[in-house]
mmCIF file of all heavy atoms, coordinates in Angstrom:
data_MODEL
# 
_entry.id   MODEL 
# 
loop_
_atom_site.group_PDB 
_atom_site.id 
_atom_site.type_symbol 
_atom_site.label_atom_id 
_atom_site.label_alt_id 
_atom_site.label_comp_id 
_atom_site.label_asym_id 
_atom_site.label_entity_id 
_atom_site.label_seq_id 
_atom_site.pdbx_PDB_ins_code 
_atom_site.Cartn_x 
_atom_site.Cartn_y 
_atom_site.Cartn_z 
_atom_site.occupancy 
_atom_site.B_iso_or_equiv 
_atom_site.pdbx_formal_charge 
_atom_site.auth_seq_id 
_atom_site.auth_comp_id 
_atom_site.auth_asym_id 
_atom_site.auth_atom_id 
_atom_site.pdbx_PDB_model_num 
ATOM 1   N N   . GLU A 1 1  ? -29.353 -19.330 -70.558 1.00 0.00 ? 1  GLU A N   1 
ATOM 2   C CA  . GLU A 1 1  ? -30.231 -18.481 -71.376 1.00 0.00 ? 1  GLU A CA  1 
ATOM 3   C C   . GLU A 1 1  ? -31.205 -17.690 -70.493 1.00 0.00 ? 1  GLU A C   1 
ATOM 4   O O   . GLU A 1 1  ? -31.447 -16.505 -70.715 1.00 0.00 ? 1  GLU A O   1 
ATOM 5   C CB  . GLU A 1 1  ? -31.010 -19.344 -72.363 1.00 0.00 ? 1  GLU A CB  1 
ATOM 6   C CG  . GLU A 1 1  ? -31.842 -18.557 -73.345 1.00 0.00 ? 1  GLU A CG  1 
ATOM 7   C CD  . GLU A 1 1  ? -32.520 -19.458 -74.355 1.00 0.00 ? 1  GLU A CD  1 
ATOM 8   O OE1 . GLU A 1 1  ? -31.825 -20.278 -74.986 1.00 0.00 ? 1  GLU A OE1 1 
ATOM 9   O OE2 . GLU A 1 1  ? -33.762 -19.333 -74.502 1.00 0.00 ? 1  GLU A OE2 1 
ATOM 10  N N   . ARG A 1 2  ? -31.750 -18.336 -69.469 1.00 0.00 ? 2  ARG A N   1 
ATOM 11  C CA  . ARG A 1 2  ? -32.682 -17.654 -68.576 1.00 0.00 ? 2  ARG A CA  1 
ATOM 12  C C   . ARG A 1 2  ? -32.011 -16.562 -67.755 1.00 0.00 ? 2  ARG A C   1 
ATOM 13  O O   . ARG A 1 2  ? -32.648 -15.604 -67.338 1.00 0.00 ? 2  ARG A O   1 
ATOM 14  C CB  . ARG A 1 2  ? -33.354 -18.662 -67.633 1.00 0.00 ? 2  ARG A CB  1 
ATOM 15  C CG  . ARG A 1 2  ? -34.567 -19.323 -68.244 1.00 0.00 ? 2  ARG A CG  1 
ATOM 16  C CD  . ARG A 1 2  ? -35.352 -20.119 -67.221 1.00 0.00 ? 2  ARG A CD  1 
ATOM 17  N NE  . ARG A 1 2  ? -34.647 -21.264 -66.705 1.00 0.00 ? 2  ARG A NE  1 
ATOM 18  C CZ  . ARG A 1 2  ? -34.488 -22.428 -67.328 1.00 0.00 ? 2  ARG A CZ  1 
ATOM 19  N NH1 . ARG A 1 2  ? -34.995 -22.576 -68.534 1.00 0.00 ? 2  ARG A NH1 1 
ATOM 20  N NH2 . ARG A 1 2  ? -33.849 -23.420 -66.763 1.00 0.00 ? 2  ARG A NH2 1 
ATOM 21  N N   . LEU A 1 3  ? -30.703 -16.706 -67.519 1.00 0.00 ? 3  LEU A N   1 
ATOM 22  C CA  . LEU A 1 3  ? -29.985 -15.680 -66.758 1.00 0.00 ? 3  LEU A CA  1 
ATOM 23  C C   . LEU A 1 3  ? -29.942 -14.359 -67.511 1.00 0.00 ? 3  LEU A C   1 
ATOM 24  O O   . LEU A 1 3  ? -29.936 -13.294 -66.909 1.00 0.00 ? 3  LEU A O   1 
ATOM 25  C CB  . LEU A 1 3  ? -28.560 -16.135 -66.435 1.00 0.00 ? 3  LEU A CB  1 
ATOM 26  C CG  . LEU A 1 3  ? -28.430 -17.231 -65.404 1.00 0.00 ? 3  LEU A CG  1 
ATOM 27  C CD1 . LEU A 1 3  ? -26.980 -17.660 -65.282 1.00 0.00 ? 3  LEU A CD1 1 
ATOM 28  C CD2 . LEU A 1 3  ? -28.975 -16.793 -64.070 1.00 0.00 ? 3  LEU A CD2 1 
ATOM 29  N N   . GLY A 1 4  ? -29.876 -14.442 -68.835 1.00 0.00 ? 4  GLY A N   1 
ATOM 30  C CA  . GLY A 1 4  ? -29.873 -13.235 -69.656 1.00 0.00 ? 4  GLY A CA  1 
ATOM 31  C C   . GLY A 1 4  ? -28.567 -12.465 -69.581 1.00 0.00 ? 4  GLY A C   1 
ATOM 32  O O   . GLY A 1 4  ? -27.593 -12.909 -68.996 1.00 0.00 ? 4  GLY A O   1 
ATOM 33  N N   . GLY A 1 5  ? -28.567 -11.287 -70.182 1.00 0.00 ? 5  GLY A N   1 
ATOM 34  C CA  . GLY A 1 5  ? -27.365 -10.464 -70.261 1.00 0.00 ? 5  GLY A CA  1 
ATOM 35  C C   . GLY A 1 5  ? -26.995 -9.794  -68.947 1.00 0.00 ? 5  GLY A C   1 
ATOM 36  O O   . GLY A 1 5  ? -25.828 -9.669  -68.614 1.00 0.00 ? 5  GLY A O   1 
ATOM 37  N N   . GLU A 1 6  ? -27.976 -9.341  -68.201 1.00 0.00 ? 6  GLU A N   1 
ATOM 38  C CA  . GLU A 1 6  ? -27.734 -8.707  -66.904 1.00 0.00 ? 6  GLU A CA  1 
ATOM 39  C C   . GLU A 1 6  ? -27.837 -9.766  -65.827 1.00 0.00 ? 6  GLU A C   1 
ATOM 40  O O   . GLU A 1 6  ? -28.926 -10.194 -65.463 1.00 0.00 ? 6  GLU A O   1 
ATOM 41  C CB  . GLU A 1 6  ? -28.758 -7.601  -66.650 1.00 0.00 ? 6  GLU A CB  1 
ATOM 42  C CG  . GLU A 1 6  ? -28.391 -6.286  -67.275 1.00 0.00 ? 6  GLU A CG  1 
ATOM 43  C CD  . GLU A 1 6  ? -27.080 -5.726  -66.740 1.00 0.00 ? 6  GLU A CD  1 
ATOM 44  O OE1 . GLU A 1 6  ? -26.872 -5.684  -65.522 1.00 0.00 ? 6  GLU A OE1 1 
ATOM 45  O OE2 . GLU A 1 6  ? -26.259 -5.328  -67.587 1.00 0.00 ? 6  GLU A OE2 1 
ATOM 46  N N   . LEU A 1 7  ? -26.724 -10.198 -65.325 1.00 0.00 ? 7  LEU A N   1 
ATOM 47  C CA  . LEU A 1 7  ? -26.691 -11.280 -64.352 1.00 0.00 ? 7  LEU A CA  1 
ATOM 48  C C   . LEU A 1 7  ? -27.197 -10.802 -62.993 1.00 0.00 ? 7  LEU A C   1 
ATOM 49  O O   . LEU A 1 7  ? -26.594 -9.932  -62.372 1.00 0.00 ? 7  LEU A O   1 
ATOM 50  C CB  . LEU A 1 7  ? -25.256 -11.794 -64.220 1.00 0.00 ? 7  LEU A CB  1 
ATOM 51  C CG  . LEU A 1 7  ? -25.065 -13.045 -63.384 1.00 0.00 ? 7  LEU A CG  1 
ATOM 52  C CD1 . LEU A 1 7  ? -25.706 -14.241 -64.085 1.00 0.00 ? 7  LEU A CD1 1 
ATOM 53  C CD2 . LEU A 1 7  ? -23.592 -13.309 -63.177 1.00 0.00 ? 7  LEU A CD2 1 
ATOM 54  N N   . PRO A 1 8  ? -28.309 -11.367 -62.518 1.00 0.00 ? 8  PRO A N   1 
ATOM 55  C CA  . PRO A 1 8  ? -28.780 -11.011 -61.177 1.00 0.00 ? 8  PRO A CA  1 
ATOM 56  C C   . PRO A 1 8  ? -27.890 -11.677 -60.127 1.00 0.00 ? 8  PRO A C   1 
ATOM 57  O O   . PRO A 1 8  ? -27.111 -12.564 -60.452 1.00 0.00 ? 8  PRO A O   1 
ATOM 58  C CB  . PRO A 1 8  ? -30.202 -11.594 -61.141 1.00 0.00 ? 8  PRO A CB  1 
ATOM 59  C CG  . PRO A 1 8  ? -30.156 -12.733 -62.100 1.00 0.00 ? 8  PRO A CG  1 
ATOM 60  C CD  . PRO A 1 8  ? -29.172 -12.327 -63.169 1.00 0.00 ? 8  PRO A CD  1 
ATOM 61  N N   . GLU A 1 9  ? -28.015 -11.253 -58.891 1.00 0.00 ? 9  GLU A N   1 
ATOM 62  C CA  . GLU A 1 9  ? -27.202 -11.858 -57.832 1.00 0.00 ? 9  GLU A CA  1 
ATOM 63  C C   . GLU A 1 9  ? -27.433 -13.357 -57.753 1.00 0.00 ? 9  GLU A C   1 
ATOM 64  O O   . GLU A 1 9  ? -26.499 -14.119 -57.525 1.00 0.00 ? 9  GLU A O   1 
ATOM 65  C CB  . GLU A 1 9  ? -27.483 -11.191 -56.485 1.00 0.00 ? 9  GLU A CB  1 
ATOM 66  C CG  . GLU A 1 9  ? -26.809 -9.850  -56.367 1.00 0.00 ? 9  GLU A CG  1 
ATOM 67  C CD  . GLU A 1 9  ? -26.764 -9.344  -54.942 1.00 0.00 ? 9  GLU A CD  1 
ATOM 68  O OE1 . GLU A 1 9  ? -26.748 -10.154 -54.002 1.00 0.00 ? 9  GLU A OE1 1 
ATOM 69  O OE2 . GLU A 1 9  ? -26.729 -8.123  -54.790 1.00 0.00 ? 9  GLU A OE2 1 
ATOM 70  N N   . SER A 1 10 ? -28.656 -13.788 -57.960 1.00 0.00 ? 10 SER A N   1 
ATOM 71  C CA  . SER A 1 10 ? -28.927 -15.224 -57.937 1.00 0.00 ? 10 SER A CA  1 
ATOM 72  C C   . SER A 1 10 ? -28.223 -15.941 -59.087 1.00 0.00 ? 10 SER A C   1 
ATOM 73  O O   . SER A 1 10 ? -27.962 -17.139 -59.011 1.00 0.00 ? 10 SER A O   1 
ATOM 74  C CB  . SER A 1 10 ? -30.432 -15.480 -58.012 1.00 0.00 ? 10 SER A CB  1 
ATOM 75  O OG  . SER A 1 10 ? -30.954 -15.001 -59.242 1.00 0.00 ? 10 SER A OG  1 
ATOM 76  N N   . GLY A 1 11 ? -27.885 -15.208 -60.129 1.00 0.00 ? 11 GLY A N   1 
ATOM 77  C CA  . GLY A 1 11 ? -27.169 -15.790 -61.259 1.00 0.00 ? 11 GLY A CA  1 
ATOM 78  C C   . GLY A 1 11 ? -25.783 -16.267 -60.886 1.00 0.00 ? 11 GLY A C   1 
ATOM 79  O O   . GLY A 1 11 ? -25.259 -17.231 -61.460 1.00 0.00 ? 11 GLY A O   1 
ATOM 80  N N   . VAL A 1 12 ? -25.163 -15.614 -59.914 1.00 0.00 ? 12 VAL A N   1 
ATOM 81  C CA  . VAL A 1 12 ? -23.843 -16.050 -59.438 1.00 0.00 ? 12 VAL A CA  1 
ATOM 82  C C   . VAL A 1 12 ? -23.965 -17.462 -58.876 1.00 0.00 ? 12 VAL A C   1 
ATOM 83  O O   . VAL A 1 12 ? -23.141 -18.333 -59.154 1.00 0.00 ? 12 VAL A O   1 
ATOM 84  C CB  . VAL A 1 12 ? -23.288 -15.077 -58.366 1.00 0.00 ? 12 VAL A CB  1 
ATOM 85  C CG1 . VAL A 1 12 ? -22.012 -15.615 -57.751 1.00 0.00 ? 12 VAL A CG1 1 
ATOM 86  C CG2 . VAL A 1 12 ? -23.059 -13.704 -58.966 1.00 0.00 ? 12 VAL A CG2 1 
ATOM 87  N N   . VAL A 1 13 ? -25.019 -17.691 -58.125 1.00 0.00 ? 13 VAL A N   1 
ATOM 88  C CA  . VAL A 1 13 ? -25.250 -19.011 -57.534 1.00 0.00 ? 13 VAL A CA  1 
ATOM 89  C C   . VAL A 1 13 ? -25.490 -20.046 -58.633 1.00 0.00 ? 13 VAL A C   1 
ATOM 90  O O   . VAL A 1 13 ? -24.935 -21.143 -58.596 1.00 0.00 ? 13 VAL A O   1 
ATOM 91  C CB  . VAL A 1 13 ? -26.441 -18.962 -56.548 1.00 0.00 ? 13 VAL A CB  1 
ATOM 92  C CG1 . VAL A 1 13 ? -26.802 -20.338 -56.048 1.00 0.00 ? 13 VAL A CG1 1 
ATOM 93  C CG2 . VAL A 1 13 ? -26.116 -18.025 -55.395 1.00 0.00 ? 13 VAL A CG2 1 
ATOM 94  N N   . VAL A 1 14 ? -26.306 -19.687 -59.620 1.00 0.00 ? 14 VAL A N   1 
ATOM 95  C CA  . VAL A 1 14 ? -26.600 -20.616 -60.709 1.00 0.00 ? 14 VAL A CA  1 
ATOM 96  C C   . VAL A 1 14 ? -25.325 -20.938 -61.484 1.00 0.00 ? 14 VAL A C   1 
ATOM 97  O O   . VAL A 1 14 ? -25.064 -22.106 -61.808 1.00 0.00 ? 14 VAL A O   1 
ATOM 98  C CB  . VAL A 1 14 ? -27.697 -20.058 -61.647 1.00 0.00 ? 14 VAL A CB  1 
ATOM 99  C CG1 . VAL A 1 14 ? -27.878 -20.947 -62.864 1.00 0.00 ? 14 VAL A CG1 1 
ATOM 100 C CG2 . VAL A 1 14 ? -29.009 -19.911 -60.893 1.00 0.00 ? 14 VAL A CG2 1 
ATOM 101 N N   . LEU A 1 15 ? -24.500 -19.934 -61.785 1.00 0.00 ? 15 LEU A N   1 
ATOM 102 C CA  . LEU A 1 15 ? -23.234 -20.198 -62.475 1.00 0.00 ? 15 LEU A CA  1 
ATOM 103 C C   . LEU A 1 15 ? -22.344 -21.114 -61.640 1.00 0.00 ? 15 LEU A C   1 
ATOM 104 O O   . LEU A 1 15 ? -21.682 -22.008 -62.178 1.00 0.00 ? 15 LEU A O   1 
ATOM 105 C CB  . LEU A 1 15 ? -22.491 -18.887 -62.773 1.00 0.00 ? 15 LEU A CB  1 
ATOM 106 C CG  . LEU A 1 15 ? -22.979 -18.079 -63.950 1.00 0.00 ? 15 LEU A CG  1 
ATOM 107 C CD1 . LEU A 1 15 ? -22.207 -16.761 -64.048 1.00 0.00 ? 15 LEU A CD1 1 
ATOM 108 C CD2 . LEU A 1 15 ? -22.848 -18.851 -65.252 1.00 0.00 ? 15 LEU A CD2 1 
ATOM 109 N N   . GLY A 1 16 ? -22.315 -20.894 -60.333 1.00 0.00 ? 16 GLY A N   1 
ATOM 110 C CA  . GLY A 1 16 ? -21.518 -21.755 -59.461 1.00 0.00 ? 16 GLY A CA  1 
ATOM 111 C C   . GLY A 1 16 ? -22.010 -23.186 -59.486 1.00 0.00 ? 16 GLY A C   1 
ATOM 112 O O   . GLY A 1 16 ? -21.223 -24.132 -59.592 1.00 0.00 ? 16 GLY A O   1 
ATOM 113 N N   . ASP A 1 17 ? -23.317 -23.352 -59.401 1.00 0.00 ? 17 ASP A N   1 
ATOM 114 C CA  . ASP A 1 17 ? -23.882 -24.702 -59.451 1.00 0.00 ? 17 ASP A CA  1 
ATOM 115 C C   . ASP A 1 17 ? -23.668 -25.343 -60.813 1.00 0.00 ? 17 ASP A C   1 
ATOM 116 O O   . ASP A 1 17 ? -23.418 -26.549 -60.912 1.00 0.00 ? 17 ASP A O   1 
ATOM 117 C CB  . ASP A 1 17 ? -25.366 -24.662 -59.103 1.00 0.00 ? 17 ASP A CB  1 
ATOM 118 C CG  . ASP A 1 17 ? -25.599 -24.360 -57.631 1.00 0.00 ? 17 ASP A CG  1 
ATOM 119 O OD1 . ASP A 1 17 ? -24.650 -24.507 -56.826 1.00 0.00 ? 17 ASP A OD1 1 
ATOM 120 O OD2 . ASP A 1 17 ? -26.725 -23.972 -57.288 1.00 0.00 ? 17 ASP A OD2 1 
ATOM 121 N N   . LEU A 1 18 ? -23.749 -24.542 -61.845 1.00 0.00 ? 18 LEU A N   1 
ATOM 122 C CA  . LEU A 1 18 ? -23.517 -25.050 -63.193 1.00 0.00 ? 18 LEU A CA  1 
ATOM 123 C C   . LEU A 1 18 ? -22.077 -25.523 -63.351 1.00 0.00 ? 18 LEU A C   1 
ATOM 124 O O   . LEU A 1 18 ? -21.822 -26.623 -63.850 1.00 0.00 ? 18 LEU A O   1 
ATOM 125 C CB  . LEU A 1 18 ? -23.851 -23.978 -64.228 1.00 0.00 ? 18 LEU A CB  1 
ATOM 126 C CG  . LEU A 1 18 ? -23.540 -24.301 -65.684 1.00 0.00 ? 18 LEU A CG  1 
ATOM 127 C CD1 . LEU A 1 18 ? -24.202 -25.596 -66.115 1.00 0.00 ? 18 LEU A CD1 1 
ATOM 128 C CD2 . LEU A 1 18 ? -23.982 -23.150 -66.578 1.00 0.00 ? 18 LEU A CD2 1 
ATOM 129 N N   . ALA A 1 19 ? -21.127 -24.711 -62.918 1.00 0.00 ? 19 ALA A N   1 
ATOM 130 C CA  . ALA A 1 19 ? -19.712 -25.110 -63.013 1.00 0.00 ? 19 ALA A CA  1 
ATOM 131 C C   . ALA A 1 19 ? -19.465 -26.400 -62.234 1.00 0.00 ? 19 ALA A C   1 
ATOM 132 O O   . ALA A 1 19 ? -18.829 -27.333 -62.747 1.00 0.00 ? 19 ALA A O   1 
ATOM 133 C CB  . ALA A 1 19 ? -18.807 -23.990 -62.494 1.00 0.00 ? 19 ALA A CB  1 
ATOM 134 N N   . SER A 1 20 ? -19.984 -26.474 -61.020 1.00 0.00 ? 20 SER A N   1 
ATOM 135 C CA  . SER A 1 20 ? -19.808 -27.685 -60.208 1.00 0.00 ? 20 SER A CA  1 
ATOM 136 C C   . SER A 1 20 ? -20.435 -28.902 -60.873 1.00 0.00 ? 20 SER A C   1 
ATOM 137 O O   . SER A 1 20 ? -19.841 -29.977 -60.908 1.00 0.00 ? 20 SER A O   1 
ATOM 138 C CB  . SER A 1 20 ? -20.434 -27.496 -58.822 1.00 0.00 ? 20 SER A CB  1 
ATOM 139 O OG  . SER A 1 20 ? -19.706 -26.579 -58.066 1.00 0.00 ? 20 SER A OG  1 
ATOM 140 N N   . ALA A 1 21 ? -21.641 -28.720 -61.399 1.00 0.00 ? 21 ALA A N   1 
ATOM 141 C CA  . ALA A 1 21 ? -22.342 -29.835 -62.037 1.00 0.00 ? 21 ALA A CA  1 
ATOM 142 C C   . ALA A 1 21 ? -21.586 -30.334 -63.267 1.00 0.00 ? 21 ALA A C   1 
ATOM 143 O O   . ALA A 1 21 ? -21.441 -31.543 -63.464 1.00 0.00 ? 21 ALA A O   1 
ATOM 144 C CB  . ALA A 1 21 ? -23.756 -29.408 -62.424 1.00 0.00 ? 21 ALA A CB  1 
ATOM 145 N N   . LEU A 1 22 ? -21.103 -29.414 -64.072 1.00 0.00 ? 22 LEU A N   1 
ATOM 146 C CA  . LEU A 1 22 ? -20.352 -29.815 -65.263 1.00 0.00 ? 22 LEU A CA  1 
ATOM 147 C C   . LEU A 1 22 ? -19.067 -30.549 -64.880 1.00 0.00 ? 22 LEU A C   1 
ATOM 148 O O   . LEU A 1 22 ? -18.717 -31.563 -65.487 1.00 0.00 ? 22 LEU A O   1 
ATOM 149 C CB  . LEU A 1 22 ? -20.036 -28.591 -66.128 1.00 0.00 ? 22 LEU A CB  1 
ATOM 150 C CG  . LEU A 1 22 ? -21.237 -27.966 -66.835 1.00 0.00 ? 22 LEU A CG  1 
ATOM 151 C CD1 . LEU A 1 22 ? -20.878 -26.586 -67.381 1.00 0.00 ? 22 LEU A CD1 1 
ATOM 152 C CD2 . LEU A 1 22 ? -21.734 -28.874 -67.952 1.00 0.00 ? 22 LEU A CD2 1 
ATOM 153 N N   . LEU A 1 23 ? -18.373 -30.049 -63.878 1.00 0.00 ? 23 LEU A N   1 
ATOM 154 C CA  . LEU A 1 23 ? -17.136 -30.695 -63.443 1.00 0.00 ? 23 LEU A CA  1 
ATOM 155 C C   . LEU A 1 23 ? -17.419 -32.095 -62.884 1.00 0.00 ? 23 LEU A C   1 
ATOM 156 O O   . LEU A 1 23 ? -16.726 -33.052 -63.220 1.00 0.00 ? 23 LEU A O   1 
ATOM 157 C CB  . LEU A 1 23 ? -16.408 -29.835 -62.404 1.00 0.00 ? 23 LEU A CB  1 
ATOM 158 C CG  . LEU A 1 23 ? -15.841 -28.525 -62.947 1.00 0.00 ? 23 LEU A CG  1 
ATOM 159 C CD1 . LEU A 1 23 ? -15.446 -27.593 -61.803 1.00 0.00 ? 23 LEU A CD1 1 
ATOM 160 C CD2 . LEU A 1 23 ? -14.657 -28.783 -63.873 1.00 0.00 ? 23 LEU A CD2 1 
ATOM 161 N N   . ARG A 1 24 ? -18.445 -32.210 -62.041 1.00 0.00 ? 24 ARG A N   1 
ATOM 162 C CA  . ARG A 1 24 ? -18.805 -33.520 -61.486 1.00 0.00 ? 24 ARG A CA  1 
ATOM 163 C C   . ARG A 1 24 ? -19.325 -34.450 -62.565 1.00 0.00 ? 24 ARG A C   1 
ATOM 164 O O   . ARG A 1 24 ? -19.112 -35.656 -62.506 1.00 0.00 ? 24 ARG A O   1 
ATOM 165 C CB  . ARG A 1 24 ? -19.865 -33.369 -60.397 1.00 0.00 ? 24 ARG A CB  1 
ATOM 166 C CG  . ARG A 1 24 ? -19.317 -32.984 -59.060 1.00 0.00 ? 24 ARG A CG  1 
ATOM 167 C CD  . ARG A 1 24 ? -20.342 -33.158 -57.939 1.00 0.00 ? 24 ARG A CD  1 
ATOM 168 N NE  . ARG A 1 24 ? -21.694 -32.762 -58.259 1.00 0.00 ? 24 ARG A NE  1 
ATOM 169 C CZ  . ARG A 1 24 ? -22.191 -31.536 -58.140 1.00 0.00 ? 24 ARG A CZ  1 
ATOM 170 N NH1 . ARG A 1 24 ? -21.430 -30.558 -57.697 1.00 0.00 ? 24 ARG A NH1 1 
ATOM 171 N NH2 . ARG A 1 24 ? -23.444 -31.278 -58.449 1.00 0.00 ? 24 ARG A NH2 1 
ATOM 172 N N   . GLY A 1 25 ? -20.018 -33.894 -63.538 1.00 0.00 ? 25 GLY A N   1 
ATOM 173 C CA  . GLY A 1 25 ? -20.588 -34.695 -64.615 1.00 0.00 ? 25 GLY A CA  1 
ATOM 174 C C   . GLY A 1 25 ? -19.579 -35.123 -65.661 1.00 0.00 ? 25 GLY A C   1 
ATOM 175 O O   . GLY A 1 25 ? -19.902 -35.877 -66.565 1.00 0.00 ? 25 GLY A O   1 
ATOM 176 N N   . GLY A 1 26 ? -18.347 -34.624 -65.554 1.00 0.00 ? 26 GLY A N   1 
ATOM 177 C CA  . GLY A 1 26 ? -17.292 -35.054 -66.463 1.00 0.00 ? 26 GLY A CA  1 
ATOM 178 C C   . GLY A 1 26 ? -17.020 -34.131 -67.635 1.00 0.00 ? 26 GLY A C   1 
ATOM 179 O O   . GLY A 1 26 ? -16.122 -34.403 -68.434 1.00 0.00 ? 26 GLY A O   1 
ATOM 180 N N   . ASP A 1 27 ? -17.747 -33.047 -67.767 1.00 0.00 ? 27 ASP A N   1 
ATOM 181 C CA  . ASP A 1 27 ? -17.504 -32.092 -68.860 1.00 0.00 ? 27 ASP A CA  1 
ATOM 182 C C   . ASP A 1 27 ? -16.512 -31.045 -68.347 1.00 0.00 ? 27 ASP A C   1 
ATOM 183 O O   . ASP A 1 27 ? -16.868 -29.904 -68.058 1.00 0.00 ? 27 ASP A O   1 
ATOM 184 C CB  . ASP A 1 27 ? -18.825 -31.452 -69.292 1.00 0.00 ? 27 ASP A CB  1 
ATOM 185 C CG  . ASP A 1 27 ? -18.699 -30.705 -70.616 1.00 0.00 ? 27 ASP A CG  1 
ATOM 186 O OD1 . ASP A 1 27 ? -17.558 -30.430 -71.048 1.00 0.00 ? 27 ASP A OD1 1 
ATOM 187 O OD2 . ASP A 1 27 ? -19.754 -30.377 -71.200 1.00 0.00 ? 27 ASP A OD2 1 
ATOM 188 N N   . ILE A 1 28 ? -15.262 -31.461 -68.237 1.00 0.00 ? 28 ILE A N   1 
ATOM 189 C CA  . ILE A 1 28 ? -14.218 -30.669 -67.587 1.00 0.00 ? 28 ILE A CA  1 
ATOM 190 C C   . ILE A 1 28 ? -13.945 -29.360 -68.320 1.00 0.00 ? 28 ILE A C   1 
ATOM 191 O O   . ILE A 1 28 ? -13.844 -28.304 -67.689 1.00 0.00 ? 28 ILE A O   1 
ATOM 192 C CB  . ILE A 1 28 ? -12.917 -31.488 -67.439 1.00 0.00 ? 28 ILE A CB  1 
ATOM 193 C CG1 . ILE A 1 28 ? -13.188 -32.793 -66.674 1.00 0.00 ? 28 ILE A CG1 1 
ATOM 194 C CG2 . ILE A 1 28 ? -11.816 -30.670 -66.785 1.00 0.00 ? 28 ILE A CG2 1 
ATOM 195 C CD1 . ILE A 1 28 ? -13.737 -32.613 -65.287 1.00 0.00 ? 28 ILE A CD1 1 
ATOM 196 N N   . ASP A 1 29 ? -13.833 -29.414 -69.628 1.00 0.00 ? 29 ASP A N   1 
ATOM 197 C CA  . ASP A 1 29 ? -13.538 -28.187 -70.389 1.00 0.00 ? 29 ASP A CA  1 
ATOM 198 C C   . ASP A 1 29 ? -14.641 -27.146 -70.222 1.00 0.00 ? 29 ASP A C   1 
ATOM 199 O O   . ASP A 1 29 ? -14.377 -25.978 -69.958 1.00 0.00 ? 29 ASP A O   1 
ATOM 200 C CB  . ASP A 1 29 ? -13.338 -28.496 -71.874 1.00 0.00 ? 29 ASP A CB  1 
ATOM 201 C CG  . ASP A 1 29 ? -12.061 -29.260 -72.153 1.00 0.00 ? 29 ASP A CG  1 
ATOM 202 O OD1 . ASP A 1 29 ? -11.138 -29.219 -71.312 1.00 0.00 ? 29 ASP A OD1 1 
ATOM 203 O OD2 . ASP A 1 29 ? -11.991 -29.920 -73.209 1.00 0.00 ? 29 ASP A OD2 1 
# 
């Protein structure tokens, strides 16, 4: 939600960390 509609360059990093965290945390889908 904080990333908003216009993804800043730092948003790429946050999305990457989010994907990794979800995968490691077991929320595979």
